[in-house]
């Protein structure tokens, strides 16, 4: 395993992060999530591989993702050996001070820990002044409940303004960005990613394999997730005809390097300066594949070849307004 630091912090993380949306009681959010026993198997295997970075959220599977993760970690590793990230936004009050103070306590309780390594705002809140949000987050850091802060999918100007608000008031700035980024979705290369590089904010993108589309030569999948993940369908299906041209090139390079397509997709992210892509594994073998991808080093010619067929996409991730209360699944294909 290889490791890196989060932003300007002293927090060391593996160059792969386990995405815990895959864990939780099925039917509370997705139909394909792993139960407590199967979740622990994947988490334990991740630890055996040297992965120390786990990302969950208060809204994943009605809180059961945090619970399953917390139980598995407590049984298999000491707290100081792992880096736990969770998120806040898809809850009552969004990113208001009152909501943040309430939700962090719920998250810590669910995980069974007294501090969080990385607390991430899940989206931009259009109803709360950014100063209120940033000051509340800073209070959590000062209180020792949170070690570092991160943000997730939003527009570049929003992230920049939040960073400035923190800087100008002497509050804790964001150290990590969990954005939507992969070979089939590169819109953040325009604004958000350059801002993150300028501010030394680590990139830990979600959906690095585009919900599996970068891991197979065909668009459709016969897996339970492939048949039931309507959020993935909403995110990717409309650009299928264009994106299959990129998928074909990923397959070509996987043959050139005698590896799996998913490994080419991950290698491309590292070549682009990503710190720790988030792998939403439902099988331990997927983690083995991801770790082995660290051995593949793409050339500049390879990355250019993979990128050549990309066309501009509709924005998926950043939102233009807060969703209706109770909505957790964005982009869902009805």
Protein backbone atom coordinates (compact mmCIF):
# COMPACT_ATOMS: atom_id res chain seq x y z
CA UNK A 1 0.00 0.00 0.00
CA UNK A 2 1.09 3.58 -0.66
CA UNK A 3 0.18 6.50 1.60
CA UNK A 4 -0.18 10.26 1.38
CA UNK A 5 -1.15 13.22 3.58
CA UNK A 6 -4.51 14.99 3.49
CA UNK A 7 -3.89 18.58 2.36
CA UNK A 8 -1.74 20.50 4.82
CA UNK A 9 -2.67 18.22 7.73
CA UNK A 10 -0.58 15.54 9.43
CA UNK A 11 -3.24 12.90 8.67
CA UNK A 12 -1.76 9.97 6.71
CA UNK A 13 -4.16 8.04 4.48
CA UNK A 14 -3.86 5.11 2.11
CA UNK A 15 -4.04 6.01 -1.57
CA UNK A 16 -7.34 4.13 -1.66
CA UNK A 17 -10.38 4.93 0.44
CA UNK A 18 -13.19 2.46 1.16
CA UNK A 19 -16.56 4.00 0.34
CA UNK A 20 -19.08 2.86 2.92
CA UNK A 21 -22.24 3.62 0.96
CA UNK A 22 -21.94 -0.07 0.10
CA UNK A 23 -22.60 -0.98 3.74
CA UNK A 24 -25.93 -0.76 5.53
CA UNK A 25 -29.38 -2.25 5.83
CA UNK A 26 -30.69 -2.98 2.35
CA UNK A 27 -33.83 -1.09 1.40
CA UNK A 28 -33.18 1.90 3.65
CA UNK A 29 -31.33 3.64 0.80
CA UNK A 30 -30.21 1.14 -1.84
CA UNK A 31 -31.28 -2.46 -2.43
CA UNK A 32 -27.75 -3.77 -2.99
CA UNK A 33 -25.95 -2.78 0.23
CA UNK A 34 -24.16 -5.38 2.38
CA UNK A 35 -25.50 -6.52 5.75
CA UNK A 36 -23.45 -6.22 8.94
CA UNK A 37 -21.63 -9.55 8.57
CA UNK A 38 -20.71 -9.05 4.91
CA UNK A 39 -19.72 -5.44 5.57
CA UNK A 40 -17.28 -6.55 8.24
CA UNK A 41 -15.69 -9.06 5.87
CA UNK A 42 -14.93 -6.34 3.32
CA UNK A 43 -13.73 -3.89 5.99
CA UNK A 44 -11.48 -6.51 7.58
CA UNK A 45 -9.98 -7.36 4.20
CA UNK A 46 -9.34 -3.68 3.50
CA UNK A 47 -7.40 -3.44 6.76
CA UNK A 48 -5.37 -6.53 5.85
CA UNK A 49 -4.42 -4.84 2.57
CA UNK A 50 -3.13 -1.78 4.40
CA UNK A 51 -6.10 0.46 3.61
CA UNK A 52 -6.69 2.77 6.57
CA UNK A 53 -9.16 5.28 5.08
CA UNK A 54 -12.97 4.84 5.32
CA UNK A 55 -15.64 7.25 4.12
CA UNK A 56 -19.27 7.14 5.25
CA UNK A 57 -22.10 9.64 5.83
CA UNK A 58 -24.91 10.32 8.26
CA UNK A 59 -27.45 9.76 5.47
CA UNK A 60 -26.17 6.41 4.22
CA UNK A 61 -28.75 3.67 4.77
CA UNK A 62 -30.51 5.54 7.60
CA UNK A 63 -27.39 5.59 9.77
CA UNK A 64 -26.67 1.85 9.52
CA UNK A 65 -23.58 2.45 7.36
CA UNK A 66 -21.94 4.37 10.20
CA UNK A 67 -23.02 1.70 12.70
CA UNK A 68 -21.70 -1.24 10.64
CA UNK A 69 -18.41 0.56 9.98
CA UNK A 70 -17.92 1.51 13.60
CA UNK A 71 -18.58 -2.01 14.89
CA UNK A 72 -16.27 -3.62 12.33
CA UNK A 73 -13.41 -1.22 13.05
CA UNK A 74 -13.72 -1.60 16.82
CA UNK A 75 -13.49 -5.38 16.48
CA UNK A 76 -10.52 -5.41 14.12
CA UNK A 77 -8.22 -2.40 14.64
CA UNK A 78 -7.23 0.24 17.18
CA UNK A 79 -8.85 3.63 16.61
CA UNK A 80 -5.59 5.51 16.03
CA UNK A 81 -4.68 3.22 13.11
CA UNK A 82 -7.59 4.28 10.91
CA UNK A 83 -8.86 7.49 9.35
CA UNK A 84 -12.65 7.84 9.42
CA UNK A 85 -14.54 10.39 7.34
CA UNK A 86 -18.25 11.11 7.54
CA UNK A 87 -20.53 13.75 6.08
CA UNK A 88 -23.32 16.19 6.94
CA UNK A 89 -26.00 17.90 4.79
CA UNK A 90 -28.76 15.42 3.93
CA UNK A 91 -30.46 16.08 7.25
CA UNK A 92 -32.87 18.50 8.85
CA UNK A 93 -31.36 21.96 8.95
CA UNK A 94 -28.67 21.13 6.35
CA UNK A 95 -25.47 23.00 7.33
CA UNK A 96 -26.89 25.33 9.97
CA UNK A 97 -24.95 25.51 13.22
CA UNK A 98 -27.77 23.79 15.07
CA UNK A 99 -27.84 20.93 12.55
CA UNK A 100 -24.06 20.48 12.48
CA UNK A 101 -23.83 20.32 16.27
CA UNK A 102 -26.66 17.77 16.39
CA UNK A 103 -25.44 15.63 13.51
CA UNK A 104 -21.81 15.34 14.61
CA UNK A 105 -22.96 13.87 17.93
CA UNK A 106 -25.19 11.40 16.09
CA UNK A 107 -22.35 10.42 13.80
CA UNK A 108 -19.88 9.92 16.66
CA UNK A 109 -22.46 7.87 18.53
CA UNK A 110 -23.21 5.71 15.50
CA UNK A 111 -19.54 5.08 14.83
CA UNK A 112 -18.79 4.49 18.51
CA UNK A 113 -15.89 6.95 18.60
CA UNK A 114 -15.25 10.25 20.34
CA UNK A 115 -13.69 11.99 17.34
CA UNK A 116 -13.84 12.04 13.55
CA UNK A 117 -10.69 12.41 11.45
CA UNK A 118 -12.40 14.15 8.55
CA UNK A 119 -15.83 15.85 8.54
CA UNK A 120 -17.15 16.60 5.07
CA UNK A 121 -20.03 18.83 4.02
CA UNK A 122 -21.97 16.65 1.58
CA UNK A 123 -23.20 19.49 -0.65
CA UNK A 124 -23.44 23.30 -0.67
CA UNK A 125 -26.29 24.65 1.47
CA UNK A 126 -28.23 27.44 -0.24
CA UNK A 127 -30.20 28.28 2.91
CA UNK A 128 -27.40 28.84 5.45
CA UNK A 129 -24.84 31.68 5.40
CA UNK A 130 -21.42 30.21 4.67
CA UNK A 131 -19.96 32.06 7.67
CA UNK A 132 -22.38 30.23 9.98
CA UNK A 133 -21.35 26.87 8.52
CA UNK A 134 -17.61 27.51 8.59
CA UNK A 135 -17.65 28.87 12.13
CA UNK A 136 -19.64 25.86 13.36
CA UNK A 137 -17.21 23.46 11.68
CA UNK A 138 -14.28 25.34 13.20
CA UNK A 139 -15.85 24.95 16.64
CA UNK A 140 -15.89 21.17 16.14
CA UNK A 141 -12.17 21.21 15.36
CA UNK A 142 -11.40 23.36 18.39
CA UNK A 143 -13.52 21.06 20.58
CA UNK A 144 -11.54 18.01 19.44
CA UNK A 145 -14.55 16.30 17.86
CA UNK A 146 -13.08 16.65 14.36
CA UNK A 147 -9.45 16.68 13.20
CA UNK A 148 -9.88 18.11 9.69
CA UNK A 149 -12.56 19.35 7.31
CA UNK A 150 -13.60 18.45 3.79
CA UNK A 151 -16.21 19.39 1.21
CA UNK A 152 -18.01 17.40 -1.46
CA UNK A 153 -19.49 18.09 -4.90
CA UNK A 154 -20.18 21.79 -5.46
CA UNK A 155 -19.33 24.60 -7.87
CA UNK A 156 -15.83 26.01 -7.80
CA UNK A 157 -16.92 29.52 -6.80
CA UNK A 158 -18.85 28.11 -3.82
CA UNK A 159 -15.85 26.17 -2.55
CA UNK A 160 -13.59 29.18 -3.08
CA UNK A 161 -15.94 31.48 -1.16
CA UNK A 162 -16.15 29.06 1.76
CA UNK A 163 -12.36 28.79 1.91
CA UNK A 164 -12.05 32.58 1.87
CA UNK A 165 -14.61 32.93 4.65
CA UNK A 166 -12.60 30.52 6.79
CA UNK A 167 -9.28 32.18 5.97
CA UNK A 168 -10.53 35.72 6.58
CA UNK A 169 -12.00 34.81 9.96
CA UNK A 170 -9.19 32.58 11.18
CA UNK A 171 -11.32 29.45 11.01
CA UNK A 172 -10.27 25.98 9.87
CA UNK A 173 -10.17 25.62 6.09
CA UNK A 174 -11.07 22.55 4.05
CA UNK A 175 -8.25 20.06 3.46
CA UNK A 176 -10.04 17.56 1.20
CA UNK A 177 -12.51 17.57 -1.69
CA UNK A 178 -14.75 14.58 -2.35
CA UNK A 179 -16.00 15.37 -5.82
CA UNK A 180 -17.43 13.48 -8.77
CA UNK A 181 -14.46 12.68 -11.00
CA UNK A 182 -13.59 9.85 -13.38
CA UNK A 183 -12.84 9.25 -17.05
CA UNK A 184 -16.55 9.59 -17.88
CA UNK A 185 -17.08 12.79 -15.85
CA UNK A 186 -14.39 15.46 -15.96
CA UNK A 187 -16.33 18.71 -15.64
CA UNK A 188 -14.52 19.69 -12.43
CA UNK A 189 -11.29 20.06 -14.40
CA UNK A 190 -12.60 23.50 -15.45
CA UNK A 191 -12.76 25.23 -12.06
CA UNK A 192 -13.01 23.12 -8.92
CA UNK A 193 -9.91 20.97 -9.35
CA UNK A 194 -7.59 23.91 -10.22
CA UNK A 195 -8.86 25.69 -7.10
CA UNK A 196 -8.12 22.60 -5.00
CA UNK A 197 -4.60 22.39 -6.43
CA UNK A 198 -4.02 26.08 -5.74
CA UNK A 199 -5.06 25.60 -2.10
CA UNK A 200 -3.34 22.23 -1.61
CA UNK A 201 -6.66 20.49 -1.03
CA UNK A 202 -6.47 16.71 -1.52
CA UNK A 203 -8.78 15.10 -4.06
CA UNK A 204 -10.66 12.01 -2.90
CA UNK A 205 -13.21 11.55 -5.71
CA UNK A 206 -16.28 9.37 -5.43
CA UNK A 207 -17.46 7.13 -8.26
CA UNK A 208 -13.94 6.60 -9.68
CA UNK A 209 -15.21 3.70 -11.80
CA UNK A 210 -18.40 5.52 -12.88
CA UNK A 211 -20.66 3.00 -11.12
CA UNK A 212 -18.87 0.11 -12.83
CA UNK A 213 -19.01 1.47 -16.37
CA UNK A 214 -15.21 1.77 -16.40
CA UNK A 215 -14.80 -1.78 -15.15
CA UNK A 216 -16.44 -3.69 -18.01
CA UNK A 217 -16.60 -3.56 -21.81
CA UNK A 218 -20.42 -3.52 -21.91
CA UNK A 219 -22.63 -0.72 -20.62
CA UNK A 220 -25.22 -2.94 -18.94
CA UNK A 221 -24.52 -5.23 -15.99
CA UNK A 222 -26.40 -8.27 -14.71
CA UNK A 223 -25.46 -7.60 -11.07
CA UNK A 224 -28.09 -6.64 -8.50
CA UNK A 225 -26.61 -3.15 -8.37
CA UNK A 226 -26.51 -2.90 -12.15
CA UNK A 227 -30.20 -3.71 -12.33
CA UNK A 228 -31.42 -1.64 -9.37
CA UNK A 229 -29.08 1.36 -8.92
CA UNK A 230 -31.33 4.05 -10.35
CA UNK A 231 -29.02 6.79 -9.12
CA UNK A 232 -26.20 5.42 -11.26
CA UNK A 233 -28.58 5.21 -14.20
CA UNK A 234 -29.56 8.84 -13.70
CA UNK A 235 -25.93 9.92 -13.49
CA UNK A 236 -24.59 8.10 -16.54
CA UNK A 237 -27.13 6.60 -18.93
CA UNK A 238 -27.95 9.78 -20.87
CA UNK A 239 -24.35 10.06 -22.13
CA UNK A 240 -23.92 6.37 -22.88
CA UNK A 241 -23.28 6.72 -26.62
CA UNK A 242 -20.46 9.20 -26.07
CA UNK A 243 -19.03 7.50 -23.02
CA UNK A 244 -18.76 4.08 -24.64
CA UNK A 245 -16.00 5.54 -26.85
CA UNK A 246 -14.01 6.22 -23.68
CA UNK A 247 -14.86 2.80 -22.26
CA UNK A 248 -13.50 1.17 -25.43
CA UNK A 249 -10.16 2.93 -24.95
CA UNK A 250 -10.00 1.82 -21.33
CA UNK A 251 -10.50 -1.75 -22.55
CA UNK A 252 -7.74 -1.31 -25.14
CA UNK A 253 -5.24 -0.13 -22.55
CA UNK A 254 -6.21 -2.89 -20.14
CA UNK A 255 -5.20 -5.36 -22.83
CA UNK A 256 -1.94 -3.48 -23.43
CA UNK A 257 -1.05 -3.67 -19.73
CA UNK A 258 -2.58 -7.13 -19.19
CA UNK A 259 -4.73 -5.85 -16.35
CA UNK A 260 -8.36 -5.13 -15.55
CA UNK A 261 -10.22 -2.14 -16.91
CA UNK A 262 -10.90 -0.87 -13.39
CA UNK A 263 -7.14 -0.72 -12.79
CA UNK A 264 -6.62 1.51 -15.83
CA UNK A 265 -9.37 3.84 -14.61
CA UNK A 266 -7.79 4.11 -11.16
CA UNK A 267 -4.28 4.56 -12.57
CA UNK A 268 -5.55 7.46 -14.65
CA UNK A 269 -6.85 9.18 -11.50
CA UNK A 270 -3.50 8.85 -9.72
CA UNK A 271 -1.78 10.14 -12.85
CA UNK A 272 -4.05 13.21 -12.61
CA UNK A 273 -2.89 13.93 -9.07
CA UNK A 274 -5.75 12.37 -7.11
CA UNK A 275 -4.79 11.45 -3.56
CA UNK A 276 -7.25 8.72 -2.65
CA UNK A 277 -10.11 7.54 -4.90
CA UNK A 278 -13.09 6.13 -3.02
CA UNK A 279 -13.82 2.48 -3.84
CA UNK A 280 -17.37 1.36 -3.07
CA UNK A 281 -16.56 -2.33 -2.90
CA UNK A 282 -19.25 -4.97 -2.39
CA UNK A 283 -16.69 -7.78 -2.75
CA UNK A 284 -13.25 -8.15 -1.19
CA UNK A 285 -11.79 -9.08 -4.58
CA UNK A 286 -12.57 -5.57 -5.86
CA UNK A 287 -10.23 -4.19 -3.20
CA UNK A 288 -7.49 -6.59 -4.31
CA UNK A 289 -7.87 -5.30 -7.86
CA UNK A 290 -7.73 -1.70 -6.68
CA UNK A 291 -4.57 -2.22 -4.63
CA UNK A 292 -2.84 -3.97 -7.53
CA UNK A 293 -3.66 -0.97 -9.72
CA UNK A 294 -1.00 0.97 -7.80
CA UNK A 295 1.61 -0.99 -9.76
CA UNK A 296 0.40 0.36 -13.10
CA UNK A 297 1.98 3.62 -14.20
CA UNK A 298 0.37 5.22 -17.24
CA UNK A 299 2.47 7.30 -19.62
CA UNK A 300 1.51 10.78 -20.76
CA UNK A 301 0.63 9.24 -24.10
CA UNK A 302 -1.68 6.76 -22.37
CA UNK A 303 -3.55 9.44 -20.43
CA UNK A 304 -3.97 11.58 -23.55
CA UNK A 305 -5.34 8.58 -25.44
CA UNK A 306 -7.86 7.87 -22.67
CA UNK A 307 -8.97 11.51 -22.54
CA UNK A 308 -9.21 12.19 -26.27
CA UNK A 309 -12.81 11.02 -26.81
CA UNK A 310 -14.33 12.94 -23.89
CA UNK A 311 -17.09 15.45 -24.61
CA UNK A 312 -18.62 18.02 -22.21
CA UNK A 313 -21.24 16.54 -19.88
CA UNK A 314 -24.24 17.94 -18.02
CA UNK A 315 -23.29 18.79 -14.42
CA UNK A 316 -23.76 15.81 -12.10
CA UNK A 317 -22.79 16.27 -8.46
CA UNK A 318 -22.99 20.00 -7.80
CA UNK A 319 -26.60 21.13 -7.28
CA UNK A 320 -28.37 24.40 -8.13
CA UNK A 321 -30.64 24.42 -5.08
CA UNK A 322 -31.28 22.41 -1.95
CA UNK A 323 -33.43 19.32 -2.65
CA UNK A 324 -36.74 18.81 -0.96
CA UNK A 325 -36.55 17.69 2.70
CA UNK A 326 -36.03 13.94 2.99
CA UNK A 327 -34.43 13.54 -0.45
CA UNK A 328 -31.12 11.68 -0.18
CA UNK A 329 -30.81 10.12 -3.62
CA UNK A 330 -29.93 12.80 -6.18
CA UNK A 331 -29.98 12.23 -9.97
CA UNK A 332 -32.27 9.22 -9.52
CA UNK A 333 -33.74 7.89 -12.77
CA UNK A 334 -37.46 7.62 -12.22
